[in-house]
Amino acid sequence: FALFALLGGGAWMWAQSLAATQGADGWLSALAG
């Protein structure tokens, strides 16, 4: 479960970072996460 939590957290941060590079912010960034 700890590994799944890390995987989920990593996926969340990666998605938000990717969204930020595309100019998305606020609810769009959260949606990507």
PDB file of all heavy atoms in Angstrom:
ATOM      1  N   PHE A   1       0.826  -1.208   0.000  1.00  0.00           N
ATOM      2  CA  PHE A   1       0.000   0.000   0.000  1.00  0.00           C
ATOM      3  C   PHE A   1       0.860   1.258   0.000  1.00  0.00           C
ATOM      4  O   PHE A   1       0.496   2.279  -0.593  1.00  0.00           O
ATOM      5  CB  PHE A   1      -0.948  -0.005   1.192  1.00  0.00           C
ATOM      6  CG  PHE A   1      -2.151  -0.881   1.007  1.00  0.00           C
ATOM      7  CD1 PHE A   1      -2.680  -1.594   2.068  1.00  0.00           C
ATOM      8  CD2 PHE A   1      -2.753  -1.010  -0.227  1.00  0.00           C
ATOM      9  CE1 PHE A   1      -3.793  -2.407   1.909  1.00  0.00           C
ATOM     10  CE2 PHE A   1      -3.867  -1.818  -0.417  1.00  0.00           C
ATOM     11  CZ  PHE A   1      -4.389  -2.519   0.652  1.00  0.00           C
ATOM     12  N   ALA A   2       2.008   1.196   0.682  1.00  0.00           N
ATOM     13  CA  ALA A   2       2.922   2.347   0.675  1.00  0.00           C
ATOM     14  C   ALA A   2       3.445   2.602  -0.741  1.00  0.00           C
ATOM     15  O   ALA A   2       3.538   3.761  -1.179  1.00  0.00           O
ATOM     16  CB  ALA A   2       4.082   2.099   1.630  1.00  0.00           C
ATOM     17  N   LEU A   3       3.775   1.529  -1.460  1.00  0.00           N
ATOM     18  CA  LEU A   3       4.244   1.690  -2.834  1.00  0.00           C
ATOM     19  C   LEU A   3       3.142   2.243  -3.731  1.00  0.00           C
ATOM     20  O   LEU A   3       3.414   3.074  -4.608  1.00  0.00           O
ATOM     21  CB  LEU A   3       4.743   0.345  -3.375  1.00  0.00           C
ATOM     22  CG  LEU A   3       6.047  -0.166  -2.767  1.00  0.00           C
ATOM     23  CD1 LEU A   3       6.363  -1.573  -3.274  1.00  0.00           C
ATOM     24  CD2 LEU A   3       7.200   0.778  -3.094  1.00  0.00           C
ATOM     25  N   PHE A   4       1.906   1.795  -3.511  1.00  0.00           N
ATOM     26  CA  PHE A   4       0.799   2.342  -4.284  1.00  0.00           C
ATOM     27  C   PHE A   4       0.588   3.818  -3.972  1.00  0.00           C
ATOM     28  O   PHE A   4       0.276   4.611  -4.871  1.00  0.00           O
ATOM     29  CB  PHE A   4      -0.489   1.565  -3.997  1.00  0.00           C
ATOM     30  CG  PHE A   4      -0.759   0.467  -4.989  1.00  0.00           C
ATOM     31  CD1 PHE A   4      -0.486  -0.852  -4.678  1.00  0.00           C
ATOM     32  CD2 PHE A   4      -1.294   0.761  -6.236  1.00  0.00           C
ATOM     33  CE1 PHE A   4      -0.732  -1.861  -5.588  1.00  0.00           C
ATOM     34  CE2 PHE A   4      -1.536  -0.242  -7.154  1.00  0.00           C
ATOM     35  CZ  PHE A   4      -1.257  -1.553  -6.837  1.00  0.00           C
ATOM     36  N   ALA A   5       0.757   4.188  -2.705  1.00  0.00           N
ATOM     37  CA  ALA A   5       0.620   5.598  -2.333  1.00  0.00           C
ATOM     38  C   ALA A   5       1.694   6.439  -3.019  1.00  0.00           C
ATOM     39  O   ALA A   5       1.416   7.527  -3.529  1.00  0.00           O
ATOM     40  CB  ALA A   5       0.708   5.748  -0.812  1.00  0.00           C
ATOM     41  N   LEU A   6       2.920   5.919  -3.048  1.00  0.00           N
ATOM     42  CA  LEU A   6       3.994   6.634  -3.729  1.00  0.00           C
ATOM     43  C   LEU A   6       3.727   6.733  -5.221  1.00  0.00           C
ATOM     44  O   LEU A   6       3.978   7.773  -5.849  1.00  0.00           O
ATOM     45  CB  LEU A   6       5.328   5.923  -3.477  1.00  0.00           C
ATOM     46  CG  LEU A   6       5.902   6.036  -2.063  1.00  0.00           C
ATOM     47  CD1 LEU A   6       7.137   5.144  -1.920  1.00  0.00           C
ATOM     48  CD2 LEU A   6       6.263   7.487  -1.754  1.00  0.00           C
ATOM     49  N   LEU A   7       3.233   5.638  -5.796  1.00  0.00           N
ATOM     50  CA  LEU A   7       2.923   5.636  -7.222  1.00  0.00           C
ATOM     51  C   LEU A   7       1.824   6.645  -7.538  1.00  0.00           C
ATOM     52  O   LEU A   7       1.913   7.415  -8.503  1.00  0.00           O
ATOM     53  CB  LEU A   7       2.492   4.234  -7.655  1.00  0.00           C
ATOM     54  CG  LEU A   7       2.184   4.035  -9.141  1.00  0.00           C
ATOM     55  CD1 LEU A   7       3.407   4.317  -9.985  1.00  0.00           C
ATOM     56  CD2 LEU A   7       1.686   2.603  -9.378  1.00  0.00           C
ATOM     57  N   GLY A   8       0.778   6.662  -6.699  1.00  0.00           N
ATOM     58  CA  GLY A   8      -0.304   7.611  -6.906  1.00  0.00           C
ATOM     59  C   GLY A   8       0.149   9.050  -6.734  1.00  0.00           C
ATOM     60  O   GLY A   8      -0.205   9.929  -7.525  1.00  0.00           O
ATOM     61  N   GLY A   9       0.964   9.285  -5.694  1.00  0.00           N
ATOM     62  CA  GLY A   9       1.485  10.631  -5.477  1.00  0.00           C
ATOM     63  C   GLY A   9       2.381  11.084  -6.612  1.00  0.00           C
ATOM     64  O   GLY A   9       2.321  12.240  -7.057  1.00  0.00           O
ATOM     65  N   GLY A  10       3.215  10.170  -7.095  1.00  0.00           N
ATOM     66  CA  GLY A  10       4.083  10.502  -8.221  1.00  0.00           C
ATOM     67  C   GLY A  10       3.288  10.809  -9.480  1.00  0.00           C
ATOM     68  O   GLY A  10       3.611  11.744 -10.222  1.00  0.00           O
ATOM     69  N   ALA A  11       2.226  10.010  -9.722  1.00  0.00           N
ATOM     70  CA  ALA A  11       1.381  10.241 -10.896  1.00  0.00           C
ATOM     71  C   ALA A  11       0.682  11.591 -10.791  1.00  0.00           C
ATOM     72  O   ALA A  11       0.556  12.327 -11.782  1.00  0.00           O
ATOM     73  CB  ALA A  11       0.355   9.117 -11.033  1.00  0.00           C
ATOM     74  N   TRP A  12       0.210  11.925  -9.583  1.00  0.00           N
ATOM     75  CA  TRP A  12      -0.458  13.218  -9.353  1.00  0.00           C
ATOM     76  C   TRP A  12       0.493  14.378  -9.666  1.00  0.00           C
ATOM     77  O   TRP A  12       0.124  15.307 -10.400  1.00  0.00           O
ATOM     78  CB  TRP A  12      -0.938  13.280  -7.909  1.00  0.00           C
ATOM     79  CG  TRP A  12      -1.492  14.619  -7.489  1.00  0.00           C
ATOM     80  CD1 TRP A  12      -0.791  15.734  -7.121  1.00  0.00           C
ATOM     81  CD2 TRP A  12      -2.873  14.978  -7.402  1.00  0.00           C
ATOM     82  NE1 TRP A  12      -1.629  16.762  -6.810  1.00  0.00           N
ATOM     83  CE2 TRP A  12      -2.926  16.332  -6.969  1.00  0.00           C
ATOM     84  CE3 TRP A  12      -4.068  14.299  -7.628  1.00  0.00           C
ATOM     85  CZ2 TRP A  12      -4.123  17.001  -6.771  1.00  0.00           C
ATOM     86  CZ3 TRP A  12      -5.269  14.966  -7.411  1.00  0.00           C
ATOM     87  CH2 TRP A  12      -5.287  16.294  -7.002  1.00  0.00           C
ATOM     88  N   MET A  13       1.693  14.320  -9.109  1.00  0.00           N
ATOM     89  CA  MET A  13       2.652  15.423  -9.318  1.00  0.00           C
ATOM     90  C   MET A  13       3.090  15.508 -10.778  1.00  0.00           C
ATOM     91  O   MET A  13       3.250  16.607 -11.316  1.00  0.00           O
ATOM     92  CB  MET A  13       3.856  15.236  -8.398  1.00  0.00           C
ATOM     93  CG  MET A  13       3.534  15.458  -6.932  1.00  0.00           C
ATOM     94  SD  MET A  13       4.997  15.432  -5.858  1.00  0.00           S
ATOM     95  CE  MET A  13       5.447  13.698  -5.973  1.00  0.00           C
ATOM     96  N   TRP A  14       3.297  14.360 -11.411  1.00  0.00           N
ATOM     97  CA  TRP A  14       3.688  14.365 -12.823  1.00  0.00           C
ATOM     98  C   TRP A  14       2.600  14.992 -13.690  1.00  0.00           C
ATOM     99  O   TRP A  14       2.879  15.809 -14.572  1.00  0.00           O
ATOM    100  CB  TRP A  14       3.972  12.948 -13.289  1.00  0.00           C
ATOM    101  CG  TRP A  14       4.216  12.856 -14.764  1.00  0.00           C
ATOM    102  CD1 TRP A  14       5.371  13.127 -15.431  1.00  0.00           C
ATOM    103  CD2 TRP A  14       3.249  12.488 -15.764  1.00  0.00           C
ATOM    104  NE1 TRP A  14       5.196  12.947 -16.785  1.00  0.00           N
ATOM    105  CE2 TRP A  14       3.910  12.558 -17.016  1.00  0.00           C
ATOM    106  CE3 TRP A  14       1.910  12.102 -15.717  1.00  0.00           C
ATOM    107  CZ2 TRP A  14       3.255  12.255 -18.204  1.00  0.00           C
ATOM    108  CZ3 TRP A  14       1.260  11.804 -16.909  1.00  0.00           C
ATOM    109  CH2 TRP A  14       1.934  11.884 -18.129  1.00  0.00           C
ATOM    110  N   ALA A  15       1.339  14.615 -13.425  1.00  0.00           N
ATOM    111  CA  ALA A  15       0.234  15.136 -14.222  1.00  0.00           C
ATOM    112  C   ALA A  15       0.083  16.640 -14.032  1.00  0.00           C
ATOM    113  O   ALA A  15      -0.147  17.385 -14.997  1.00  0.00           O
ATOM    114  CB  ALA A  15      -1.064  14.422 -13.848  1.00  0.00           C
ATOM    115  N   GLN A  16       0.222  17.099 -12.792  1.00  0.00           N
ATOM    116  CA  GLN A  16       0.100  18.530 -12.548  1.00  0.00           C
ATOM    117  C   GLN A  16       1.264  19.307 -13.171  1.00  0.00           C
ATOM    118  O   GLN A  16       1.077  20.403 -13.696  1.00  0.00           O
ATOM    119  CB  GLN A  16       0.021  18.802 -11.036  1.00  0.00           C
ATOM    120  CG  GLN A  16      -1.300  18.379 -10.414  1.00  0.00           C
ATOM    121  CD  GLN A  16      -1.543  19.057  -9.088  1.00  0.00           C
ATOM    122  OE1 GLN A  16      -0.631  19.237  -8.292  1.00  0.00           O
ATOM    123  NE2 GLN A  16      -2.786  19.446  -8.851  1.00  0.00           N
ATOM    124  N   SER A  17       2.455  18.717 -13.102  1.00  0.00           N
ATOM    125  CA  SER A  17       3.611  19.367 -13.717  1.00  0.00           C
ATOM    126  C   SER A  17       3.437  19.448 -15.226  1.00  0.00           C
ATOM    127  O   SER A  17       3.734  20.479 -15.849  1.00  0.00           O
ATOM    128  CB  SER A  17       4.890  18.591 -13.375  1.00  0.00           C
ATOM    129  OG  SER A  17       6.007  19.128 -14.043  1.00  0.00           O
ATOM    130  N   LEU A  18       2.938  18.379 -15.823  1.00  0.00           N
ATOM    131  CA  LEU A  18       2.697  18.372 -17.264  1.00  0.00           C
ATOM    132  C   LEU A  18       1.643  19.402 -17.642  1.00  0.00           C
ATOM    133  O   LEU A  18       1.776  20.114 -18.648  1.00  0.00           O
ATOM    134  CB  LEU A  18       2.256  16.974 -17.706  1.00  0.00           C
ATOM    135  CG  LEU A  18       1.998  16.780 -19.208  1.00  0.00           C
ATOM    136  CD1 LEU A  18       3.283  17.027 -19.997  1.00  0.00           C
ATOM    137  CD2 LEU A  18       1.467  15.372 -19.475  1.00  0.00           C
ATOM    138  N   ALA A  19       0.590  19.479 -16.812  1.00  0.00           N
ATOM    139  CA  ALA A  19      -0.466  20.456 -17.084  1.00  0.00           C
ATOM    140  C   ALA A  19       0.077  21.879 -16.993  1.00  0.00           C
ATOM    141  O   ALA A  19      -0.296  22.748 -17.789  1.00  0.00           O
ATOM    142  CB  ALA A  19      -1.621  20.259 -16.106  1.00  0.00           C
ATOM    143  N   ALA A  20       0.980  22.102 -16.018  1.00  0.00           N
ATOM    144  CA  ALA A  20       1.547  23.436 -15.845  1.00  0.00           C
ATOM    145  C   ALA A  20       2.383  23.842 -17.055  1.00  0.00           C
ATOM    146  O   ALA A  20       2.380  25.011 -17.472  1.00  0.00           O
ATOM    147  CB  ALA A  20       2.390  23.487 -14.581  1.00  0.00           C
ATOM    148  N   THR A  21       3.097  22.885 -17.642  1.00  0.00           N
ATOM    149  CA  THR A  21       3.914  23.211 -18.812  1.00  0.00           C
ATOM    150  C   THR A  21       3.047  23.573 -20.023  1.00  0.00           C
ATOM    151  O   THR A  21       3.520  24.212 -20.959  1.00  0.00           O
ATOM    152  CB  THR A  21       4.827  22.024 -19.195  1.00  0.00           C
ATOM    153  OG1 THR A  21       4.019  20.896 -19.551  1.00  0.00           O
ATOM    154  CG2 THR A  21       5.752  21.665 -18.043  1.00  0.00           C
ATOM    155  N   GLN A  22       1.772  23.149 -19.978  1.00  0.00           N
ATOM    156  CA  GLN A  22       0.842  23.465 -21.067  1.00  0.00           C
ATOM    157  C   GLN A  22       0.022  24.720 -20.778  1.00  0.00           C
ATOM    158  O   GLN A  22      -0.903  25.049 -21.515  1.00  0.00           O
ATOM    159  CB  GLN A  22      -0.097  22.272 -21.303  1.00  0.00           C
ATOM    160  CG  GLN A  22       0.604  20.971 -21.636  1.00  0.00           C
ATOM    161  CD  GLN A  22       1.446  21.068 -22.893  1.00  0.00           C
ATOM    162  OE1 GLN A  22       0.994  21.611 -23.904  1.00  0.00           O
ATOM    163  NE2 GLN A  22       2.678  20.563 -22.845  1.00  0.00           N
ATOM    164  N   GLY A  23       0.387  25.381 -19.664  1.00  0.00           N
ATOM    165  CA  GLY A  23      -0.290  26.624 -19.337  1.00  0.00           C
ATOM    166  C   GLY A  23      -1.547  26.466 -18.512  1.00  0.00           C
ATOM    167  O   GLY A  23      -2.250  27.447 -18.247  1.00  0.00           O
ATOM    168  N   ALA A  24      -1.857  25.239 -18.096  1.00  0.00           N
ATOM    169  CA  ALA A  24      -3.061  25.017 -17.289  1.00  0.00           C
ATOM    170  C   ALA A  24      -2.774  25.357 -15.839  1.00  0.00           C
ATOM    171  O   ALA A  24      -1.666  25.189 -15.346  1.00  0.00           O
ATOM    172  CB  ALA A  24      -3.507  23.560 -17.407  1.00  0.00           C
ATOM    173  N   ASP A  25      -3.780  25.850 -15.137  1.00  0.00           N
ATOM    174  CA  ASP A  25      -3.629  26.103 -13.707  1.00  0.00           C
ATOM    175  C   ASP A  25      -4.991  25.933 -13.037  1.00  0.00           C
ATOM    176  O   ASP A  25      -5.987  25.658 -13.686  1.00  0.00           O
ATOM    177  CB  ASP A  25      -3.059  27.506 -13.455  1.00  0.00           C
ATOM    178  CG  ASP A  25      -3.899  28.602 -14.081  1.00  0.00           C
ATOM    179  OD1 ASP A  25      -5.021  28.298 -14.557  1.00  0.00           O
ATOM    180  OD2 ASP A  25      -3.439  29.752 -14.099  1.00  0.00           O
ATOM    181  N   GLY A  26      -4.990  26.081 -11.724  1.00  0.00           N
ATOM    182  CA  GLY A  26      -6.246  25.983 -10.985  1.00  0.00           C
ATOM    183  C   GLY A  26      -6.925  24.640 -11.149  1.00  0.00           C
ATOM    184  O   GLY A  26      -6.313  23.586 -10.980  1.00  0.00           O
ATOM    185  N   TRP A  27      -8.218  24.674 -11.512  1.00  0.00           N
ATOM    186  CA  TRP A  27      -9.001  23.445 -11.546  1.00  0.00           C
ATOM    187  C   TRP A  27      -8.558  22.505 -12.662  1.00  0.00           C
ATOM    188  O   TRP A  27      -8.692  21.282 -12.538  1.00  0.00           O
ATOM    189  CB  TRP A  27     -10.484  23.773 -11.707  1.00  0.00           C
ATOM    190  CG  TRP A  27     -10.868  24.342 -13.038  1.00  0.00           C
ATOM    191  CD1 TRP A  27     -10.872  25.639 -13.417  1.00  0.00           C
ATOM    192  CD2 TRP A  27     -11.319  23.586 -14.173  1.00  0.00           C
ATOM    193  NE1 TRP A  27     -11.270  25.767 -14.726  1.00  0.00           N
ATOM    194  CE2 TRP A  27     -11.567  24.535 -15.209  1.00  0.00           C
ATOM    195  CE3 TRP A  27     -11.521  22.240 -14.420  1.00  0.00           C
ATOM    196  CZ2 TRP A  27     -12.002  24.141 -16.475  1.00  0.00           C
ATOM    197  CZ3 TRP A  27     -11.968  21.853 -15.672  1.00  0.00           C
ATOM    198  CH2 TRP A  27     -12.206  22.789 -16.687  1.00  0.00           C
ATOM    199  N   LEU A  28      -7.974  23.049 -13.743  1.00  0.00           N
ATOM    200  CA  LEU A  28      -7.493  22.182 -14.821  1.00  0.00           C
ATOM    201  C   LEU A  28      -6.304  21.341 -14.359  1.00  0.00           C
ATOM    202  O   LEU A  28      -6.180  20.158 -14.691  1.00  0.00           O
ATOM    203  CB  LEU A  28      -7.109  23.024 -16.036  1.00  0.00           C
ATOM    204  CG  LEU A  28      -8.263  23.591 -16.864  1.00  0.00           C
ATOM    205  CD1 LEU A  28      -7.726  24.493 -17.966  1.00  0.00           C
ATOM    206  CD2 LEU A  28      -9.105  22.464 -17.447  1.00  0.00           C
ATOM    207  N   SER A  29      -5.424  21.972 -13.581  1.00  0.00           N
ATOM    208  CA  SER A  29      -4.278  21.243 -13.040  1.00  0.00           C
ATOM    209  C   SER A  29      -4.735  20.159 -12.079  1.00  0.00           C
ATOM    210  O   SER A  29      -4.231  19.038 -12.094  1.00  0.00           O
ATOM    211  CB  SER A  29      -3.335  22.232 -12.338  1.00  0.00           C
ATOM    212  OG  SER A  29      -2.226  21.552 -11.796  1.00  0.00           O
ATOM    213  N   ALA A  30      -5.703  20.505 -11.223  1.00  0.00           N
ATOM    214  CA  ALA A  30      -6.245  19.518 -10.278  1.00  0.00           C
ATOM    215  C   ALA A  30      -6.933  18.382 -11.025  1.00  0.00           C
ATOM    216  O   ALA A  30      -6.821  17.201 -10.642  1.00  0.00           O
ATOM    217  CB  ALA A  30      -7.218  20.188  -9.321  1.00  0.00           C
ATOM    218  N   LEU A  31      -7.637  18.721 -12.105  1.00  0.00           N
ATOM    219  CA  LEU A  31      -8.317  17.705 -12.912  1.00  0.00           C
ATOM    220  C   LEU A  31      -7.309  16.730 -13.515  1.00  0.00           C
ATOM    221  O   LEU A  31      -7.546  15.515 -13.566  1.00  0.00           O
ATOM    222  CB  LEU A  31      -9.133  18.370 -14.013  1.00  0.00           C
ATOM    223  CG  LEU A  31      -9.969  17.429 -14.908  1.00  0.00           C
ATOM    224  CD1 LEU A  31     -10.997  16.698 -14.066  1.00  0.00           C
ATOM    225  CD2 LEU A  31     -10.641  18.230 -16.025  1.00  0.00           C
ATOM    226  N   ALA A  32      -6.183  17.264 -13.965  1.00  0.00           N
ATOM    227  CA  ALA A  32      -5.134  16.402 -14.518  1.00  0.00           C
ATOM    228  C   ALA A  32      -4.606  15.454 -13.448  1.00  0.00           C
ATOM    229  O   ALA A  32      -4.358  14.273 -13.710  1.00  0.00           O
ATOM    230  CB  ALA A  32      -4.000  17.252 -15.079  1.00  0.00           C
ATOM    231  N   GLY A  33      -4.441  15.975 -12.226  1.00  0.00           N
ATOM    232  CA  GLY A  33      -3.984  15.130 -11.129  1.00  0.00           C
ATOM    233  C   GLY A  33      -4.964  14.027 -10.808  1.00  0.00           C
ATOM    234  O   GLY A  33      -4.575  12.867 -10.614  1.00  0.00           O
TER     235      GLY A  33
END
